[in-house]
Amino acid sequence: MTKVILLSGSPREKSNTMDVLNICAQEIEKKGVEAEIISLR
């Protein structure tokens, strides 16, 4: 199975970057691909 890892380098917990990555993850998962967000914070 294919898996996409989305990385966030933003130092803030509730940043716009995380909002965008969450939307991206939702769209990726709609296509049947697993997505995971990892924060480097």
PDB file of N, CA and C in Angstrom:
ATOM      1  N   MET A   1       0.841  -1.193   0.000  1.00  0.00           N
ATOM      2  CA  MET A   1       0.000   0.000   0.000  1.00  0.00           C
ATOM      3  C   MET A   1       0.880   1.248   0.000  1.00  0.00           C
ATOM      4  N   THR A   2       0.443   2.252  -0.712  1.00  0.00           N
ATOM      5  CA  THR A   2       1.161   3.510  -0.788  1.00  0.00           C
ATOM      6  C   THR A   2       0.819   4.381   0.409  1.00  0.00           C
ATOM      7  N   LYS A   3       1.832   5.086   0.911  1.00  0.00           N
ATOM      8  CA  LYS A   3       1.632   5.990   2.037  1.00  0.00           C
ATOM      9  C   LYS A   3       2.367   7.293   1.752  1.00  0.00           C
ATOM     10  N   VAL A   4       1.710   8.419   2.024  1.00  0.00           N
ATOM     11  CA  VAL A   4       2.318   9.725   1.842  1.00  0.00           C
ATOM     12  C   VAL A   4       2.602  10.307   3.217  1.00  0.00           C
ATOM     13  N   ILE A   5       3.820  10.811   3.402  1.00  0.00           N
ATOM     14  CA  ILE A   5       4.178  11.460   4.655  1.00  0.00           C
ATOM     15  C   ILE A   5       4.303  12.952   4.383  1.00  0.00           C
ATOM     16  N   LEU A   6       3.548  13.738   5.138  1.00  0.00           N
ATOM     17  CA  LEU A   6       3.565  15.192   5.011  1.00  0.00           C
ATOM     18  C   LEU A   6       4.349  15.751   6.197  1.00  0.00           C
ATOM     19  N   LEU A   7       5.370  16.550   5.931  1.00  0.00           N
ATOM     20  CA  LEU A   7       6.223  17.091   6.987  1.00  0.00           C
ATOM     21  C   LEU A   7       5.936  18.570   7.215  1.00  0.00           C
ATOM     22  N   SER A   8       5.843  18.938   8.489  1.00  0.00           N
ATOM     23  CA  SER A   8       5.671  20.335   8.853  1.00  0.00           C
ATOM     24  C   SER A   8       6.888  20.778   9.655  1.00  0.00           C
ATOM     25  N   GLY A   9       7.497  21.864   9.228  1.00  0.00           N
ATOM     26  CA  GLY A   9       8.638  22.438   9.946  1.00  0.00           C
ATOM     27  C   GLY A   9       8.267  23.682  10.715  1.00  0.00           C
ATOM     28  N   SER A  10       6.978  23.988  10.801  1.00  0.00           N
ATOM     29  CA  SER A  10       6.520  25.193  11.485  1.00  0.00           C
ATOM     30  C   SER A  10       6.728  25.065  12.997  1.00  0.00           C
ATOM     31  N   PRO A  11       7.238  26.116  13.640  1.00  0.00           N
ATOM     32  CA  PRO A  11       7.447  26.050  15.085  1.00  0.00           C
ATOM     33  C   PRO A  11       6.163  26.226  15.901  1.00  0.00           C
ATOM     34  N   ARG A  12       5.071  26.640  15.252  1.00  0.00           N
ATOM     35  CA  ARG A  12       3.816  26.858  15.973  1.00  0.00           C
ATOM     36  C   ARG A  12       2.908  25.648  15.865  1.00  0.00           C
ATOM     37  N   GLU A  13       2.224  25.344  16.965  1.00  0.00           N
ATOM     38  CA  GLU A  13       1.371  24.167  17.011  1.00  0.00           C
ATOM     39  C   GLU A  13       0.161  24.294  16.091  1.00  0.00           C
ATOM     40  N   LYS A  14      -0.530  25.405  16.119  1.00  0.00           N
ATOM     41  CA  LYS A  14      -1.747  25.590  15.312  1.00  0.00           C
ATOM     42  C   LYS A  14      -1.479  26.623  14.220  1.00  0.00           C
ATOM     43  N   SER A  15      -0.600  26.256  13.307  1.00  0.00           N
ATOM     44  CA  SER A  15      -0.190  27.181  12.260  1.00  0.00           C
ATOM     45  C   SER A  15      -1.012  26.969  10.995  1.00  0.00           C
ATOM     46  N   ASN A  16      -0.906  27.925  10.092  1.00  0.00           N
ATOM     47  CA  ASN A  16      -1.553  27.786   8.781  1.00  0.00           C
ATOM     48  C   ASN A  16      -0.981  26.588   8.033  1.00  0.00           C
ATOM     49  N   THR A  17       0.283  26.313   8.248  1.00  0.00           N
ATOM     50  CA  THR A  17       0.913  25.169   7.593  1.00  0.00           C
ATOM     51  C   THR A  17       0.203  23.878   7.971  1.00  0.00           C
ATOM     52  N   MET A  18      -0.107  23.703   9.244  1.00  0.00           N
ATOM     53  CA  MET A  18      -0.807  22.493   9.680  1.00  0.00           C
ATOM     54  C   MET A  18      -2.211  22.439   9.097  1.00  0.00           C
ATOM     55  N   ASP A  19      -2.871  23.601   8.993  1.00  0.00           N
ATOM     56  CA  ASP A  19      -4.205  23.632   8.377  1.00  0.00           C
ATOM     57  C   ASP A  19      -4.146  23.141   6.932  1.00  0.00           C
ATOM     58  N   VAL A  20      -3.163  23.627   6.195  1.00  0.00           N
ATOM     59  CA  VAL A  20      -3.014  23.234   4.788  1.00  0.00           C
ATOM     60  C   VAL A  20      -2.653  21.748   4.682  1.00  0.00           C
ATOM     61  N   LEU A  21      -1.773  21.279   5.549  1.00  0.00           N
ATOM     62  CA  LEU A  21      -1.390  19.868   5.509  1.00  0.00           C
ATOM     63  C   LEU A  21      -2.568  18.962   5.845  1.00  0.00           C
ATOM     64  N   ASN A  22      -3.425  19.382   6.754  1.00  0.00           N
ATOM     65  CA  ASN A  22      -4.620  18.595   7.077  1.00  0.00           C
ATOM     66  C   ASN A  22      -5.549  18.496   5.868  1.00  0.00           C
ATOM     67  N   ILE A  23      -5.720  19.590   5.149  1.00  0.00           N
ATOM     68  CA  ILE A  23      -6.555  19.580   3.941  1.00  0.00           C
ATOM     69  C   ILE A  23      -5.919  18.668   2.888  1.00  0.00           C
ATOM     70  N   CYS A  24      -4.606  18.768   2.725  1.00  0.00           N
ATOM     71  CA  CYS A  24      -3.908  17.903   1.765  1.00  0.00           C
ATOM     72  C   CYS A  24      -4.080  16.439   2.137  1.00  0.00           C
ATOM     73  N   ALA A  25      -3.935  16.122   3.411  1.00  0.00           N
ATOM     74  CA  ALA A  25      -4.075  14.734   3.862  1.00  0.00           C
ATOM     75  C   ALA A  25      -5.482  14.208   3.578  1.00  0.00           C
ATOM     76  N   GLN A  26      -6.477  15.032   3.797  1.00  0.00           N
ATOM     77  CA  GLN A  26      -7.859  14.624   3.527  1.00  0.00           C
ATOM     78  C   GLN A  26      -8.055  14.318   2.045  1.00  0.00           C
ATOM     79  N   GLU A  27      -7.531  15.167   1.185  1.00  0.00           N
ATOM     80  CA  GLU A  27      -7.664  14.968  -0.259  1.00  0.00           C
ATOM     81  C   GLU A  27      -6.903  13.726  -0.721  1.00  0.00           C
ATOM     82  N   ILE A  28      -5.737  13.495  -0.159  1.00  0.00           N
ATOM     83  CA  ILE A  28      -4.950  12.306  -0.503  1.00  0.00           C
ATOM     84  C   ILE A  28      -5.709  11.052  -0.099  1.00  0.00           C
ATOM     85  N   GLU A  29      -6.295  11.068   1.104  1.00  0.00           N
ATOM     86  CA  GLU A  29      -7.011   9.892   1.596  1.00  0.00           C
ATOM     87  C   GLU A  29      -8.296   9.627   0.811  1.00  0.00           C
ATOM     88  N   LYS A  30      -8.877  10.665   0.213  1.00  0.00           N
ATOM     89  CA  LYS A  30     -10.048  10.474  -0.650  1.00  0.00           C
ATOM     90  C   LYS A  30      -9.705   9.615  -1.864  1.00  0.00           C
ATOM     91  N   LYS A  31      -8.432   9.624  -2.254  1.00  0.00           N
ATOM     92  CA  LYS A  31      -7.957   8.845  -3.403  1.00  0.00           C
ATOM     93  C   LYS A  31      -7.562   7.428  -2.995  1.00  0.00           C
ATOM     94  N   GLY A  32      -7.742   7.102  -1.717  1.00  0.00           N
ATOM     95  CA  GLY A  32      -7.440   5.752  -1.249  1.00  0.00           C
ATOM     96  C   GLY A  32      -5.997   5.533  -0.843  1.00  0.00           C
ATOM     97  N   VAL A  33      -5.278   6.618  -0.605  1.00  0.00           N
ATOM     98  CA  VAL A  33      -3.878   6.525  -0.202  1.00  0.00           C
ATOM     99  C   VAL A  33      -3.770   6.996   1.249  1.00  0.00           C
ATOM    100  N   GLU A  34      -3.014   6.252   2.043  1.00  0.00           N
ATOM    101  CA  GLU A  34      -2.837   6.624   3.443  1.00  0.00           C
ATOM    102  C   GLU A  34      -1.928   7.848   3.542  1.00  0.00           C
ATOM    103  N   ALA A  35      -2.264   8.780   4.432  1.00  0.00           N
ATOM    104  CA  ALA A  35      -1.463   9.983   4.629  1.00  0.00           C
ATOM    105  C   ALA A  35      -1.194  10.169   6.119  1.00  0.00           C
ATOM    106  N   GLU A  36       0.037  10.592   6.429  1.00  0.00           N
ATOM    107  CA  GLU A  36       0.418  10.843   7.807  1.00  0.00           C
ATOM    108  C   GLU A  36       1.127  12.195   7.879  1.00  0.00           C
ATOM    109  N   ILE A  37       0.761  12.999   8.862  1.00  0.00           N
ATOM    110  CA  ILE A  37       1.407  14.292   9.063  1.00  0.00           C
ATOM    111  C   ILE A  37       2.388  14.166  10.222  1.00  0.00           C
ATOM    112  N   ILE A  38       3.619  14.598   9.977  1.00  0.00           N
ATOM    113  CA  ILE A  38       4.641  14.586  11.016  1.00  0.00           C
ATOM    114  C   ILE A  38       5.112  16.023  11.223  1.00  0.00           C
ATOM    115  N   SER A  39       5.064  16.469  12.479  1.00  0.00           N
ATOM    116  CA  SER A  39       5.523  17.808  12.819  1.00  0.00           C
ATOM    117  C   SER A  39       6.929  17.709  13.398  1.00  0.00           C
ATOM    118  N   LEU A  40       7.829  18.517  12.891  1.00  0.00           N
ATOM    119  CA  LEU A  40       9.207  18.549  13.377  1.00  0.00           C
ATOM    120  C   LEU A  40       9.377  19.532  14.541  1.00  0.00           C
ATOM    121  N   ARG A  41       8.267  20.137  14.949  1.00  0.00           N
ATOM    122  CA  ARG A  41       8.298  21.121  16.030  1.00  0.00           C
ATOM    123  C   ARG A  41       8.816  20.503  17.277  1.00  0.00           C
TER     124      ARG A  41
END
